[in-house]
PDB file of all heavy atoms in Angstrom:
ATOM      1  N   LEU A   1      -0.828  10.185  -6.025  1.00  0.00           N
ATOM      2  CA  LEU A   1      -1.550   9.494  -4.967  1.00  0.00           C
ATOM      3  C   LEU A   1      -1.943  10.493  -3.876  1.00  0.00           C
ATOM      4  O   LEU A   1      -1.133  11.327  -3.463  1.00  0.00           O
ATOM      5  CB  LEU A   1      -0.658   8.401  -4.389  1.00  0.00           C
ATOM      6  CG  LEU A   1      -1.291   7.456  -3.375  1.00  0.00           C
ATOM      7  CD1 LEU A   1      -2.342   6.582  -4.057  1.00  0.00           C
ATOM      8  CD2 LEU A   1      -0.204   6.589  -2.730  1.00  0.00           C
ATOM      9  N   ARG A   2      -3.183  10.415  -3.431  1.00  0.00           N
ATOM     10  CA  ARG A   2      -3.695  11.419  -2.502  1.00  0.00           C
ATOM     11  C   ARG A   2      -3.261  11.173  -1.063  1.00  0.00           C
ATOM     12  O   ARG A   2      -3.176  12.102  -0.259  1.00  0.00           O
ATOM     13  CB  ARG A   2      -5.217  11.484  -2.587  1.00  0.00           C
ATOM     14  CG  ARG A   2      -5.703  12.025  -3.929  1.00  0.00           C
ATOM     15  CD  ARG A   2      -7.211  12.057  -4.041  1.00  0.00           C
ATOM     16  NE  ARG A   2      -7.828  12.913  -3.020  1.00  0.00           N
ATOM     17  CZ  ARG A   2      -9.131  13.193  -2.978  1.00  0.00           C
ATOM     18  NH1 ARG A   2      -9.938  12.676  -3.903  1.00  0.00           N
ATOM     19  NH2 ARG A   2      -9.630  13.956  -2.043  1.00  0.00           N
ATOM     20  N   ARG A   3      -3.008   9.929  -0.680  1.00  0.00           N
ATOM     21  CA  ARG A   3      -2.555   9.655   0.691  1.00  0.00           C
ATOM     22  C   ARG A   3      -1.660   8.422   0.696  1.00  0.00           C
ATOM     23  O   ARG A   3      -1.750   7.555  -0.163  1.00  0.00           O
ATOM     24  CB  ARG A   3      -3.742   9.449   1.627  1.00  0.00           C
ATOM     25  CG  ARG A   3      -4.635   8.286   1.284  1.00  0.00           C
ATOM     26  CD  ARG A   3      -5.825   8.181   2.233  1.00  0.00           C
ATOM     27  NE  ARG A   3      -6.785   7.209   1.770  1.00  0.00           N
ATOM     28  CZ  ARG A   3      -6.773   5.917   2.106  1.00  0.00           C
ATOM     29  NH1 ARG A   3      -5.836   5.470   2.930  1.00  0.00           N
ATOM     30  NH2 ARG A   3      -7.701   5.087   1.636  1.00  0.00           N
ATOM     31  N   GLY A   4      -0.785   8.382   1.683  1.00  0.00           N
ATOM     32  CA  GLY A   4       0.147   7.277   1.792  1.00  0.00           C
ATOM     33  C   GLY A   4      -0.501   6.021   2.336  1.00  0.00           C
ATOM     34  O   GLY A   4      -1.693   5.989   2.664  1.00  0.00           O
ATOM     35  N   VAL A   5       0.295   4.972   2.459  1.00  0.00           N
ATOM     36  CA  VAL A   5      -0.191   3.663   2.882  1.00  0.00           C
ATOM     37  C   VAL A   5      -0.171   3.579   4.409  1.00  0.00           C
ATOM     38  O   VAL A   5       0.792   3.987   5.058  1.00  0.00           O
ATOM     39  CB  VAL A   5       0.675   2.536   2.287  1.00  0.00           C
ATOM     40  CG1 VAL A   5       0.199   1.173   2.769  1.00  0.00           C
ATOM     41  CG2 VAL A   5       0.642   2.601   0.763  1.00  0.00           C
ATOM     42  N   ASP A   6      -1.245   3.060   4.967  1.00  0.00           N
ATOM     43  CA  ASP A   6      -1.351   2.805   6.401  1.00  0.00           C
ATOM     44  C   ASP A   6      -1.471   1.295   6.588  1.00  0.00           C
ATOM     45  O   ASP A   6      -2.498   0.701   6.256  1.00  0.00           O
ATOM     46  CB  ASP A   6      -2.565   3.533   6.982  1.00  0.00           C
ATOM     47  CG  ASP A   6      -2.661   3.407   8.498  1.00  0.00           C
ATOM     48  OD1 ASP A   6      -2.050   2.473   9.053  1.00  0.00           O
ATOM     49  OD2 ASP A   6      -3.363   4.235   9.112  1.00  0.00           O
ATOM     50  N   GLU A   7      -0.410   0.672   7.098  1.00  0.00           N
ATOM     51  CA  GLU A   7      -0.405  -0.782   7.243  1.00  0.00           C
ATOM     52  C   GLU A   7      -1.546  -1.279   8.125  1.00  0.00           C
ATOM     53  O   GLU A   7      -2.009  -2.405   7.978  1.00  0.00           O
ATOM     54  CB  GLU A   7       0.935  -1.230   7.839  1.00  0.00           C
ATOM     55  CG  GLU A   7       2.080  -1.223   6.847  1.00  0.00           C
ATOM     56  CD  GLU A   7       1.996  -2.379   5.857  1.00  0.00           C
ATOM     57  OE1 GLU A   7       1.436  -3.433   6.214  1.00  0.00           O
ATOM     58  OE2 GLU A   7       2.486  -2.222   4.729  1.00  0.00           O
ATOM     59  N   GLY A   8      -2.000  -0.457   9.057  1.00  0.00           N
ATOM     60  CA  GLY A   8      -3.063  -0.887   9.945  1.00  0.00           C
ATOM     61  C   GLY A   8      -4.443  -0.794   9.332  1.00  0.00           C
ATOM     62  O   GLY A   8      -5.406  -1.329   9.890  1.00  0.00           O
ATOM     63  N   VAL A   9      -4.548  -0.100   8.189  1.00  0.00           N
ATOM     64  CA  VAL A   9      -5.859   0.126   7.576  1.00  0.00           C
ATOM     65  C   VAL A   9      -5.960  -0.503   6.193  1.00  0.00           C
ATOM     66  O   VAL A   9      -6.962  -1.146   5.851  1.00  0.00           O
ATOM     67  CB  VAL A   9      -6.153   1.644   7.486  1.00  0.00           C
ATOM     68  CG1 VAL A   9      -7.450   1.899   6.734  1.00  0.00           C
ATOM     69  CG2 VAL A   9      -6.204   2.258   8.882  1.00  0.00           C
ATOM     70  N   ASP A  10      -4.935  -0.337   5.383  1.00  0.00           N
ATOM     71  CA  ASP A  10      -4.981  -0.810   3.992  1.00  0.00           C
ATOM     72  C   ASP A  10      -4.807  -2.322   3.904  1.00  0.00           C
ATOM     73  O   ASP A  10      -4.217  -2.957   4.798  1.00  0.00           O
ATOM     74  CB  ASP A  10      -3.890  -0.128   3.172  1.00  0.00           C
ATOM     75  CG  ASP A  10      -4.223   1.311   2.835  1.00  0.00           C
ATOM     76  OD1 ASP A  10      -5.335   1.547   2.336  1.00  0.00           O
ATOM     77  OD2 ASP A  10      -3.388   2.203   3.081  1.00  0.00           O
ATOM     78  N   LEU A  11      -5.291  -2.881   2.803  1.00  0.00           N
ATOM     79  CA  LEU A  11      -5.091  -4.297   2.498  1.00  0.00           C
ATOM     80  C   LEU A  11      -3.741  -4.424   1.794  1.00  0.00           C
ATOM     81  O   LEU A  11      -3.589  -3.987   0.649  1.00  0.00           O
ATOM     82  CB  LEU A  11      -6.211  -4.825   1.588  1.00  0.00           C
ATOM     83  CG  LEU A  11      -7.650  -4.555   2.053  1.00  0.00           C
ATOM     84  CD1 LEU A  11      -8.641  -5.150   1.057  1.00  0.00           C
ATOM     85  CD2 LEU A  11      -7.892  -5.094   3.446  1.00  0.00           C
ATOM     86  N   THR A  12      -2.747  -4.983   2.467  1.00  0.00           N
ATOM     87  CA  THR A  12      -1.392  -4.997   1.931  1.00  0.00           C
ATOM     88  C   THR A  12      -0.829  -6.405   1.936  1.00  0.00           C
ATOM     89  O   THR A  12      -1.260  -7.281   2.701  1.00  0.00           O
ATOM     90  CB  THR A  12      -0.456  -4.092   2.757  1.00  0.00           C
ATOM     91  OG1 THR A  12      -0.302  -4.646   4.071  1.00  0.00           O
ATOM     92  CG2 THR A  12      -1.014  -2.683   2.879  1.00  0.00           C
ATOM     93  N   THR A  13       0.162  -6.606   1.101  1.00  0.00           N
ATOM     94  CA  THR A  13       0.963  -7.827   1.113  1.00  0.00           C
ATOM     95  C   THR A  13       2.367  -7.462   0.665  1.00  0.00           C
ATOM     96  O   THR A  13       2.548  -6.664  -0.257  1.00  0.00           O
ATOM     97  CB  THR A  13       0.358  -8.915   0.198  1.00  0.00           C
ATOM     98  OG1 THR A  13       1.202 -10.066   0.217  1.00  0.00           O
ATOM     99  CG2 THR A  13       0.222  -8.450  -1.239  1.00  0.00           C
ATOM    100  N   GLY A  14       3.371  -8.028   1.315  1.00  0.00           N
ATOM    101  CA  GLY A  14       4.750  -7.702   1.016  1.00  0.00           C
ATOM    102  C   GLY A  14       5.397  -6.947   2.163  1.00  0.00           C
ATOM    103  O   GLY A  14       4.753  -6.534   3.121  1.00  0.00           O
ATOM    104  N   ASP A  15       6.693  -6.734   2.026  1.00  0.00           N
ATOM    105  CA  ASP A  15       7.497  -6.077   3.065  1.00  0.00           C
ATOM    106  C   ASP A  15       7.162  -4.591   3.137  1.00  0.00           C
ATOM    107  O   ASP A  15       7.289  -3.880   2.135  1.00  0.00           O
ATOM    108  CB  ASP A  15       8.980  -6.257   2.737  1.00  0.00           C
ATOM    109  CG  ASP A  15       9.893  -5.788   3.864  1.00  0.00           C
ATOM    110  OD1 ASP A  15       9.414  -5.078   4.769  1.00  0.00           O
ATOM    111  OD2 ASP A  15      11.093  -6.136   3.827  1.00  0.00           O
ATOM    112  N   PRO A  16       6.730  -4.071   4.289  1.00  0.00           N
ATOM    113  CA  PRO A  16       6.430  -2.641   4.406  1.00  0.00           C
ATOM    114  C   PRO A  16       7.630  -1.745   4.110  1.00  0.00           C
ATOM    115  O   PRO A  16       7.461  -0.569   3.778  1.00  0.00           O
ATOM    116  CB  PRO A  16       5.986  -2.484   5.870  1.00  0.00           C
ATOM    117  CG  PRO A  16       5.592  -3.856   6.304  1.00  0.00           C
ATOM    118  CD  PRO A  16       6.449  -4.802   5.531  1.00  0.00           C
ATOM    119  N   ARG A  17       8.833  -2.318   4.208  1.00  0.00           N
ATOM    120  CA  ARG A  17      10.049  -1.528   3.954  1.00  0.00           C
ATOM    121  C   ARG A  17      10.525  -1.661   2.507  1.00  0.00           C
ATOM    122  O   ARG A  17      11.613  -1.180   2.167  1.00  0.00           O
ATOM    123  CB  ARG A  17      11.158  -1.985   4.900  1.00  0.00           C
ATOM    124  CG  ARG A  17      10.841  -1.765   6.373  1.00  0.00           C
ATOM    125  CD  ARG A  17      11.784  -2.548   7.249  1.00  0.00           C
ATOM    126  NE  ARG A  17      11.619  -3.995   7.025  1.00  0.00           N
ATOM    127  CZ  ARG A  17      12.362  -4.938   7.609  1.00  0.00           C
ATOM    128  NH1 ARG A  17      13.304  -4.597   8.462  1.00  0.00           N
ATOM    129  NH2 ARG A  17      12.152  -6.224   7.351  1.00  0.00           N
ATOM    130  N   ALA A  18       9.752  -2.294   1.666  1.00  0.00           N
ATOM    131  CA  ALA A  18      10.148  -2.478   0.260  1.00  0.00           C
ATOM    132  C   ALA A  18      10.374  -1.127  -0.412  1.00  0.00           C
ATOM    133  O   ALA A  18       9.691  -0.144  -0.105  1.00  0.00           O
ATOM    134  CB  ALA A  18       9.069  -3.258  -0.489  1.00  0.00           C
ATOM    135  N   PRO A  19      11.342  -1.034  -1.344  1.00  0.00           N
ATOM    136  CA  PRO A  19      11.642   0.251  -1.994  1.00  0.00           C
ATOM    137  C   PRO A  19      10.542   0.752  -2.919  1.00  0.00           C
ATOM    138  O   PRO A  19      10.508   1.924  -3.268  1.00  0.00           O
ATOM    139  CB  PRO A  19      12.926  -0.043  -2.771  1.00  0.00           C
ATOM    140  CG  PRO A  19      12.924  -1.528  -2.980  1.00  0.00           C
ATOM    141  CD  PRO A  19      12.260  -2.097  -1.762  1.00  0.00           C
ATOM    142  N   HIS A  20       9.648  -0.136  -3.334  1.00  0.00           N
ATOM    143  CA  HIS A  20       8.582   0.266  -4.245  1.00  0.00           C
ATOM    144  C   HIS A  20       7.226  -0.146  -3.680  1.00  0.00           C
ATOM    145  O   HIS A  20       7.111  -1.155  -2.977  1.00  0.00           O
ATOM    146  CB  HIS A  20       8.753  -0.371  -5.627  1.00  0.00           C
ATOM    147  CG  HIS A  20      10.054  -0.036  -6.286  1.00  0.00           C
ATOM    148  ND1 HIS A  20      10.362   1.217  -6.736  1.00  0.00           N
ATOM    149  CD2 HIS A  20      11.146  -0.816  -6.550  1.00  0.00           C
ATOM    150  CE1 HIS A  20      11.570   1.210  -7.266  1.00  0.00           C
ATOM    151  NE2 HIS A  20      12.069  -0.010  -7.164  1.00  0.00           N
ATOM    152  N   THR A  21       6.204   0.647  -4.018  1.00  0.00           N
ATOM    153  CA  THR A  21       4.831   0.334  -3.600  1.00  0.00           C
ATOM    154  C   THR A  21       3.909   0.448  -4.805  1.00  0.00           C
ATOM    155  O   THR A  21       3.916   1.463  -5.509  1.00  0.00           O
ATOM    156  CB  THR A  21       4.354   1.301  -2.503  1.00  0.00           C
ATOM    157  OG1 THR A  21       5.182   1.145  -1.344  1.00  0.00           O
ATOM    158  CG2 THR A  21       2.906   1.010  -2.116  1.00  0.00           C
ATOM    159  N   LEU A  22       3.142  -0.595  -5.061  1.00  0.00           N
ATOM    160  CA  LEU A  22       2.142  -0.596  -6.130  1.00  0.00           C
ATOM    161  C   LEU A  22       0.767  -0.613  -5.470  1.00  0.00           C
ATOM    162  O   LEU A  22       0.453  -1.550  -4.718  1.00  0.00           O
ATOM    163  CB  LEU A  22       2.329  -1.795  -7.049  1.00  0.00           C
ATOM    164  CG  LEU A  22       1.444  -1.862  -8.302  1.00  0.00           C
ATOM    165  CD1 LEU A  22       2.131  -2.658  -9.406  1.00  0.00           C
ATOM    166  CD2 LEU A  22       0.064  -2.475  -8.026  1.00  0.00           C
ATOM    167  N   ILE A  23      -0.021   0.423  -5.718  1.00  0.00           N
ATOM    168  CA  ILE A  23      -1.353   0.534  -5.151  1.00  0.00           C
ATOM    169  C   ILE A  23      -2.383   0.384  -6.265  1.00  0.00           C
ATOM    170  O   ILE A  23      -2.327   1.084  -7.270  1.00  0.00           O
ATOM    171  CB  ILE A  23      -1.539   1.882  -4.434  1.00  0.00           C
ATOM    172  CG1 ILE A  23      -0.542   2.001  -3.279  1.00  0.00           C
ATOM    173  CG2 ILE A  23      -2.971   2.029  -3.916  1.00  0.00           C
ATOM    174  CD1 ILE A  23      -0.625   3.312  -2.536  1.00  0.00           C
ATOM    175  N   ASN A  24      -3.300  -0.541  -6.052  1.00  0.00           N
ATOM    176  CA  ASN A  24      -4.329  -0.821  -7.055  1.00  0.00           C
ATOM    177  C   ASN A  24      -5.700  -0.527  -6.462  1.00  0.00           C
ATOM    178  O   ASN A  24      -6.100  -1.144  -5.485  1.00  0.00           O
ATOM    179  CB  ASN A  24      -4.216  -2.282  -7.493  1.00  0.00           C
ATOM    180  CG  ASN A  24      -5.389  -2.747  -8.330  1.00  0.00           C
ATOM    181  OD1 ASN A  24      -5.759  -3.906  -8.274  1.00  0.00           O
ATOM    182  ND2 ASN A  24      -5.982  -1.868  -9.124  1.00  0.00           N
ATOM    183  N   TYR A  25      -6.403   0.441  -7.070  1.00  0.00           N
ATOM    184  CA  TYR A  25      -7.802   0.690  -6.730  1.00  0.00           C
ATOM    185  C   TYR A  25      -8.632  -0.222  -7.623  1.00  0.00           C
ATOM    186  O   TYR A  25      -8.641  -0.064  -8.851  1.00  0.00           O
ATOM    187  CB  TYR A  25      -8.169   2.152  -6.975  1.00  0.00           C
ATOM    188  CG  TYR A  25      -7.595   3.113  -5.949  1.00  0.00           C
ATOM    189  CD1 TYR A  25      -6.286   3.565  -6.040  1.00  0.00           C
ATOM    190  CD2 TYR A  25      -8.376   3.564  -4.890  1.00  0.00           C
ATOM    191  CE1 TYR A  25      -5.757   4.444  -5.107  1.00  0.00           C
ATOM    192  CE2 TYR A  25      -7.860   4.450  -3.946  1.00  0.00           C
ATOM    193  CZ  TYR A  25      -6.548   4.890  -4.061  1.00  0.00           C
ATOM    194  OH  TYR A  25      -6.037   5.758  -3.136  1.00  0.00           O
ATOM    195  N   ALA A  26      -9.326  -1.195  -6.993  1.00  0.00           N
ATOM    196  CA  ALA A  26      -9.961  -2.264  -7.765  1.00  0.00           C
ATOM    197  C   ALA A  26     -11.460  -2.304  -7.553  1.00  0.00           C
ATOM    198  O   ALA A  26     -11.945  -2.159  -6.439  1.00  0.00           O
ATOM    199  CB  ALA A  26      -9.352  -3.603  -7.373  1.00  0.00           C
ATOM    200  N   ASP A  27     -12.171  -2.523  -8.650  1.00  0.00           N
ATOM    201  CA  ASP A  27     -13.602  -2.807  -8.626  1.00  0.00           C
ATOM    202  C   ASP A  27     -13.744  -4.320  -8.809  1.00  0.00           C
ATOM    203  O   ASP A  27     -13.537  -4.845  -9.902  1.00  0.00           O
ATOM    204  CB  ASP A  27     -14.294  -2.042  -9.762  1.00  0.00           C
ATOM    205  CG  ASP A  27     -15.791  -2.323  -9.850  1.00  0.00           C
ATOM    206  OD1 ASP A  27     -16.268  -3.220  -9.132  1.00  0.00           O
ATOM    207  OD2 ASP A  27     -16.467  -1.648 -10.635  1.00  0.00           O
TER     208      ASP A  27
END
């Protein structure tokens, strides 16, 4: 992954402190 998650910018759902992060680049 080229950059980490920014809660203020990215479209997220779930606990920001969760031990795992799944990032989906979607068309």
